[in-house]
Amino acid sequence: MVTHANSTNKHTHRKTAKVRDTTYARVTRWTEYRTPSGRWSRVRHDETAEDFKPHNLRNFFDAQFPGERRGYAYTSYGYLPVSVTVPSPDESERSVYHLAYYTGPAVYQR
């Protein structure tokens, strides 16, 4: 089950995710655009992937972007964000981040 935390809600108290020193993540990022009907496209534009070390994860989780939404789920590493969505100011496009956790420093295997 994935839950969402919206950083624009003043009543939402958000804690920094607890990341162990051995928790790494494969972060896949892509851009989605609005369709003429106003829905988000399912086409992944400019998809990239990189491995985040524990300190990179902490910095990423500490940053709060305007309009950001985070999807949390219970993983074998704890209750951590598994997706982050950040819309552009005019809401015509959004950046989507998907996080797949693993124990490092081994290289992520799909």
N, C-alpha and C. Protein backbone atom coordinates (compact mmCIF):
# COMPACT_ATOMS: atom_id res chain seq x y z
N MET A 1 0.84 -1.17 0.00
CA MET A 1 0.00 0.00 0.00
C MET A 1 0.88 1.24 0.00
N VAL A 2 0.60 2.18 -0.90
CA VAL A 2 1.36 3.41 -1.01
C VAL A 2 0.49 4.55 -0.49
N THR A 3 1.06 5.38 0.37
CA THR A 3 0.35 6.56 0.84
C THR A 3 1.10 7.79 0.35
N HIS A 4 0.40 8.90 0.31
CA HIS A 4 0.99 10.12 -0.21
C HIS A 4 1.11 11.17 0.87
N ALA A 5 2.19 11.92 0.83
CA ALA A 5 2.37 13.07 1.72
C ALA A 5 2.57 14.29 0.83
N ASN A 6 1.74 15.27 1.01
CA ASN A 6 1.79 16.46 0.18
C ASN A 6 2.45 17.59 0.95
N SER A 7 3.58 18.08 0.46
CA SER A 7 4.35 19.08 1.19
C SER A 7 3.66 20.44 1.21
N THR A 8 2.65 20.66 0.37
CA THR A 8 1.97 21.95 0.36
C THR A 8 0.91 22.04 1.44
N ASN A 9 0.57 20.94 2.09
CA ASN A 9 -0.42 20.94 3.16
C ASN A 9 0.27 21.38 4.45
N LYS A 10 -0.16 22.50 5.02
CA LYS A 10 0.47 23.04 6.21
C LYS A 10 0.24 22.16 7.44
N HIS A 11 -0.77 21.31 7.39
CA HIS A 11 -1.11 20.48 8.54
C HIS A 11 -0.40 19.12 8.52
N THR A 12 0.32 18.84 7.45
CA THR A 12 1.03 17.58 7.34
C THR A 12 2.40 17.74 7.99
N HIS A 13 2.67 16.96 9.01
CA HIS A 13 3.97 16.98 9.67
C HIS A 13 4.81 15.90 9.02
N ARG A 14 5.88 16.29 8.36
CA ARG A 14 6.69 15.31 7.64
C ARG A 14 8.01 15.13 8.34
N LYS A 15 8.33 13.90 8.64
CA LYS A 15 9.62 13.58 9.22
C LYS A 15 10.58 13.21 8.11
N THR A 16 11.85 13.44 8.34
CA THR A 16 12.87 13.01 7.40
C THR A 16 12.92 11.49 7.45
N ALA A 17 12.97 10.89 6.27
CA ALA A 17 13.02 9.43 6.20
C ALA A 17 14.30 8.93 6.87
N LYS A 18 14.17 7.88 7.65
CA LYS A 18 15.32 7.27 8.31
C LYS A 18 16.00 6.34 7.32
N VAL A 19 17.22 6.67 6.97
CA VAL A 19 17.96 5.87 6.00
C VAL A 19 19.18 5.28 6.69
N ARG A 20 19.30 3.97 6.62
CA ARG A 20 20.46 3.31 7.20
C ARG A 20 21.70 3.60 6.36
N ASP A 21 22.87 3.45 6.96
CA ASP A 21 24.12 3.68 6.23
C ASP A 21 24.38 2.64 5.16
N THR A 22 23.61 1.57 5.14
CA THR A 22 23.79 0.52 4.13
C THR A 22 22.67 0.55 3.09
N THR A 23 21.75 1.52 3.18
CA THR A 23 20.63 1.59 2.24
C THR A 23 21.00 2.46 1.05
N TYR A 24 20.96 1.87 -0.11
CA TYR A 24 21.20 2.56 -1.37
C TYR A 24 19.91 2.51 -2.17
N ALA A 25 19.82 3.30 -3.22
CA ALA A 25 18.62 3.27 -4.04
C ALA A 25 18.97 3.51 -5.50
N ARG A 26 18.25 2.81 -6.35
CA ARG A 26 18.30 3.06 -7.78
C ARG A 26 17.18 4.05 -8.05
N VAL A 27 17.53 5.27 -8.45
CA VAL A 27 16.54 6.33 -8.68
C VAL A 27 16.35 6.50 -10.18
N THR A 28 15.13 6.24 -10.62
CA THR A 28 14.77 6.40 -12.02
C THR A 28 13.95 7.68 -12.13
N ARG A 29 14.35 8.58 -13.02
CA ARG A 29 13.68 9.87 -13.18
C ARG A 29 13.22 10.02 -14.62
N TRP A 30 12.00 10.57 -14.78
CA TRP A 30 11.51 10.88 -16.11
C TRP A 30 10.57 12.07 -16.03
N THR A 31 10.22 12.62 -17.20
CA THR A 31 9.31 13.76 -17.29
C THR A 31 8.02 13.31 -17.96
N GLU A 32 6.90 13.78 -17.43
CA GLU A 32 5.58 13.54 -18.04
C GLU A 32 4.97 14.89 -18.39
N TYR A 33 4.18 14.92 -19.47
CA TYR A 33 3.53 16.15 -19.92
C TYR A 33 2.02 15.98 -19.87
N ARG A 34 1.32 17.11 -19.79
CA ARG A 34 -0.15 17.10 -19.83
C ARG A 34 -0.61 16.80 -21.26
N THR A 35 -1.65 16.00 -21.37
CA THR A 35 -2.26 15.74 -22.67
C THR A 35 -3.29 16.84 -22.93
N PRO A 36 -3.79 16.95 -24.16
CA PRO A 36 -4.82 17.97 -24.44
C PRO A 36 -6.07 17.81 -23.56
N SER A 37 -6.33 16.59 -23.09
CA SER A 37 -7.51 16.37 -22.23
C SER A 37 -7.25 16.79 -20.78
N GLY A 38 -5.99 17.16 -20.45
CA GLY A 38 -5.66 17.60 -19.11
C GLY A 38 -5.10 16.52 -18.21
N ARG A 39 -5.02 15.30 -18.72
CA ARG A 39 -4.46 14.20 -17.92
C ARG A 39 -2.96 14.12 -18.14
N TRP A 40 -2.29 13.37 -17.26
CA TRP A 40 -0.84 13.20 -17.41
C TRP A 40 -0.57 12.10 -18.42
N SER A 41 0.37 12.37 -19.32
CA SER A 41 0.81 11.38 -20.30
C SER A 41 1.48 10.22 -19.57
N ARG A 42 1.38 9.03 -20.09
CA ARG A 42 2.06 7.88 -19.51
C ARG A 42 3.40 7.62 -20.21
N VAL A 43 3.72 8.45 -21.19
CA VAL A 43 4.99 8.31 -21.90
C VAL A 43 6.09 8.89 -21.03
N ARG A 44 7.17 8.15 -20.86
CA ARG A 44 8.31 8.60 -20.06
C ARG A 44 9.32 9.29 -20.97
N HIS A 45 9.43 10.61 -20.83
CA HIS A 45 10.38 11.38 -21.63
C HIS A 45 11.66 11.57 -20.83
N ASP A 46 12.80 11.52 -21.52
CA ASP A 46 14.11 11.77 -20.91
C ASP A 46 14.36 10.91 -19.68
N GLU A 47 14.07 9.63 -19.77
CA GLU A 47 14.25 8.73 -18.62
C GLU A 47 15.72 8.48 -18.36
N THR A 48 16.11 8.64 -17.10
CA THR A 48 17.48 8.36 -16.67
C THR A 48 17.42 7.59 -15.36
N ALA A 49 18.51 6.91 -15.05
CA ALA A 49 18.59 6.17 -13.79
C ALA A 49 19.99 6.33 -13.22
N GLU A 50 20.05 6.44 -11.89
CA GLU A 50 21.34 6.52 -11.22
C GLU A 50 21.22 5.93 -9.83
N ASP A 51 22.36 5.56 -9.27
CA ASP A 51 22.38 5.00 -7.92
C ASP A 51 22.67 6.10 -6.92
N PHE A 52 21.86 6.15 -5.86
CA PHE A 52 22.05 7.10 -4.77
C PHE A 52 22.66 6.38 -3.58
N LYS A 53 23.69 6.97 -3.02
CA LYS A 53 24.30 6.47 -1.79
C LYS A 53 23.47 7.00 -0.62
N PRO A 54 23.69 6.47 0.60
CA PRO A 54 22.89 6.93 1.74
C PRO A 54 22.89 8.45 1.95
N HIS A 55 24.04 9.10 1.80
CA HIS A 55 24.07 10.56 1.99
C HIS A 55 23.29 11.28 0.88
N ASN A 56 23.31 10.74 -0.34
CA ASN A 56 22.51 11.33 -1.42
C ASN A 56 21.02 11.20 -1.12
N LEU A 57 20.62 10.05 -0.58
CA LEU A 57 19.22 9.83 -0.22
C LEU A 57 18.78 10.81 0.86
N ARG A 58 19.60 10.98 1.89
CA ARG A 58 19.23 11.91 2.96
C ARG A 58 19.06 13.34 2.42
N ASN A 59 19.98 13.77 1.57
CA ASN A 59 19.88 15.11 0.98
C ASN A 59 18.62 15.23 0.12
N PHE A 60 18.32 14.19 -0.64
CA PHE A 60 17.14 14.20 -1.50
C PHE A 60 15.86 14.27 -0.66
N PHE A 61 15.81 13.52 0.43
CA PHE A 61 14.62 13.51 1.29
C PHE A 61 14.48 14.80 2.08
N ASP A 62 15.59 15.45 2.41
CA ASP A 62 15.54 16.70 3.16
C ASP A 62 15.04 17.87 2.30
N ALA A 63 15.26 17.79 0.99
CA ALA A 63 14.82 18.85 0.08
C ALA A 63 13.30 18.77 -0.08
N GLN A 64 12.65 19.92 -0.08
CA GLN A 64 11.21 19.98 -0.31
C GLN A 64 10.95 20.91 -1.47
N PHE A 65 10.34 20.38 -2.51
CA PHE A 65 10.07 21.15 -3.71
C PHE A 65 8.62 21.63 -3.69
N PRO A 66 8.32 22.79 -4.27
CA PRO A 66 6.94 23.29 -4.30
C PRO A 66 6.01 22.31 -5.03
N GLY A 67 4.91 21.96 -4.41
CA GLY A 67 3.93 21.06 -5.02
C GLY A 67 4.31 19.60 -5.00
N GLU A 68 5.38 19.27 -4.35
CA GLU A 68 5.90 17.89 -4.32
C GLU A 68 4.91 16.94 -3.66
N ARG A 69 4.80 15.74 -4.22
CA ARG A 69 4.02 14.66 -3.61
C ARG A 69 4.92 13.45 -3.49
N ARG A 70 4.86 12.80 -2.35
CA ARG A 70 5.66 11.60 -2.11
C ARG A 70 4.75 10.41 -1.86
N GLY A 71 5.09 9.31 -2.47
CA GLY A 71 4.37 8.06 -2.22
C GLY A 71 5.23 7.19 -1.31
N TYR A 72 4.70 6.83 -0.16
CA TYR A 72 5.42 6.02 0.82
C TYR A 72 4.91 4.59 0.80
N ALA A 73 5.80 3.66 1.12
CA ALA A 73 5.41 2.26 1.24
C ALA A 73 6.34 1.58 2.24
N TYR A 74 5.85 0.49 2.80
CA TYR A 74 6.69 -0.32 3.68
C TYR A 74 7.61 -1.16 2.81
N THR A 75 8.91 -0.99 3.00
CA THR A 75 9.90 -1.77 2.27
C THR A 75 10.68 -2.59 3.28
N SER A 76 11.56 -3.43 2.81
CA SER A 76 12.39 -4.19 3.74
C SER A 76 13.38 -3.28 4.47
N TYR A 77 13.47 -2.02 4.05
CA TYR A 77 14.36 -1.04 4.68
C TYR A 77 13.61 -0.06 5.55
N GLY A 78 12.30 -0.26 5.72
CA GLY A 78 11.48 0.62 6.54
C GLY A 78 10.41 1.31 5.71
N TYR A 79 9.72 2.24 6.33
CA TYR A 79 8.66 3.01 5.68
C TYR A 79 9.32 4.19 4.97
N LEU A 80 9.54 4.06 3.68
CA LEU A 80 10.32 5.03 2.92
C LEU A 80 9.57 5.48 1.67
N PRO A 81 9.93 6.65 1.13
CA PRO A 81 9.34 7.09 -0.13
C PRO A 81 9.73 6.15 -1.27
N VAL A 82 8.77 5.78 -2.09
CA VAL A 82 9.05 4.95 -3.25
C VAL A 82 8.82 5.73 -4.54
N SER A 83 8.14 6.88 -4.42
CA SER A 83 7.97 7.75 -5.58
C SER A 83 7.87 9.20 -5.11
N VAL A 84 8.37 10.09 -5.94
CA VAL A 84 8.29 11.53 -5.68
C VAL A 84 7.89 12.18 -7.00
N THR A 85 6.88 13.05 -6.94
CA THR A 85 6.39 13.75 -8.13
C THR A 85 6.48 15.25 -7.87
N VAL A 86 7.11 15.97 -8.81
CA VAL A 86 7.29 17.41 -8.66
C VAL A 86 6.77 18.10 -9.93
N PRO A 87 5.65 18.85 -9.81
CA PRO A 87 5.11 19.54 -10.99
C PRO A 87 5.88 20.82 -11.29
N SER A 88 5.83 21.24 -12.55
CA SER A 88 6.39 22.54 -12.92
C SER A 88 5.46 23.62 -12.38
N PRO A 89 5.92 24.88 -12.27
CA PRO A 89 5.07 25.95 -11.74
C PRO A 89 3.77 26.14 -12.52
N ASP A 90 3.80 25.96 -13.84
CA ASP A 90 2.58 26.12 -14.63
C ASP A 90 1.80 24.81 -14.76
N GLU A 91 2.30 23.74 -14.16
CA GLU A 91 1.68 22.42 -14.12
C GLU A 91 1.45 21.81 -15.51
N SER A 92 2.30 22.17 -16.47
CA SER A 92 2.21 21.58 -17.81
C SER A 92 3.06 20.32 -17.93
N GLU A 93 3.99 20.16 -16.99
CA GLU A 93 4.83 18.96 -16.97
C GLU A 93 5.19 18.66 -15.53
N ARG A 94 5.68 17.44 -15.31
CA ARG A 94 6.12 17.06 -13.97
C ARG A 94 7.28 16.09 -14.06
N SER A 95 8.13 16.14 -13.05
CA SER A 95 9.23 15.20 -12.92
C SER A 95 8.80 14.10 -11.97
N VAL A 96 9.04 12.86 -12.35
CA VAL A 96 8.67 11.71 -11.54
C VAL A 96 9.94 10.95 -11.18
N TYR A 97 10.07 10.62 -9.90
CA TYR A 97 11.21 9.86 -9.40
C TYR A 97 10.68 8.57 -8.81
N HIS A 98 11.26 7.44 -9.21
CA HIS A 98 10.89 6.15 -8.63
C HIS A 98 12.13 5.60 -7.94
N LEU A 99 11.99 5.16 -6.69
CA LEU A 99 13.13 4.68 -5.91
C LEU A 99 13.00 3.19 -5.64
N ALA A 100 14.04 2.45 -5.98
CA ALA A 100 14.12 1.01 -5.69
C ALA A 100 15.31 0.81 -4.76
N TYR A 101 15.04 0.39 -3.54
CA TYR A 101 16.08 0.29 -2.51
C TYR A 101 16.82 -1.04 -2.57
N TYR A 102 18.09 -0.99 -2.16
CA TYR A 102 18.90 -2.20 -2.06
C TYR A 102 20.01 -1.96 -1.06
N THR A 103 20.63 -3.04 -0.60
CA THR A 103 21.74 -2.94 0.33
C THR A 103 23.02 -2.76 -0.46
N GLY A 104 23.76 -1.72 -0.17
CA GLY A 104 24.96 -1.40 -0.94
C GLY A 104 26.21 -1.85 -0.22
N PRO A 105 27.33 -1.58 -0.81
CA PRO A 105 27.52 -0.80 -2.02
C PRO A 105 27.52 -1.62 -3.30
N ALA A 106 26.92 -2.80 -3.28
CA ALA A 106 26.83 -3.60 -4.51
C ALA A 106 26.04 -2.84 -5.56
N VAL A 107 26.25 -3.17 -6.81
CA VAL A 107 25.56 -2.53 -7.90
C VAL A 107 24.15 -3.10 -8.00
N TYR A 108 23.18 -2.22 -8.23
CA TYR A 108 21.77 -2.62 -8.32
C TYR A 108 21.57 -3.61 -9.46
N GLN A 109 20.85 -4.68 -9.20
CA GLN A 109 20.53 -5.69 -10.21
C GLN A 109 19.03 -5.70 -10.44
N ARG A 110 18.59 -5.61 -11.66
CA ARG A 110 17.14 -5.67 -11.98
C ARG A 110 16.67 -7.06 -12.03
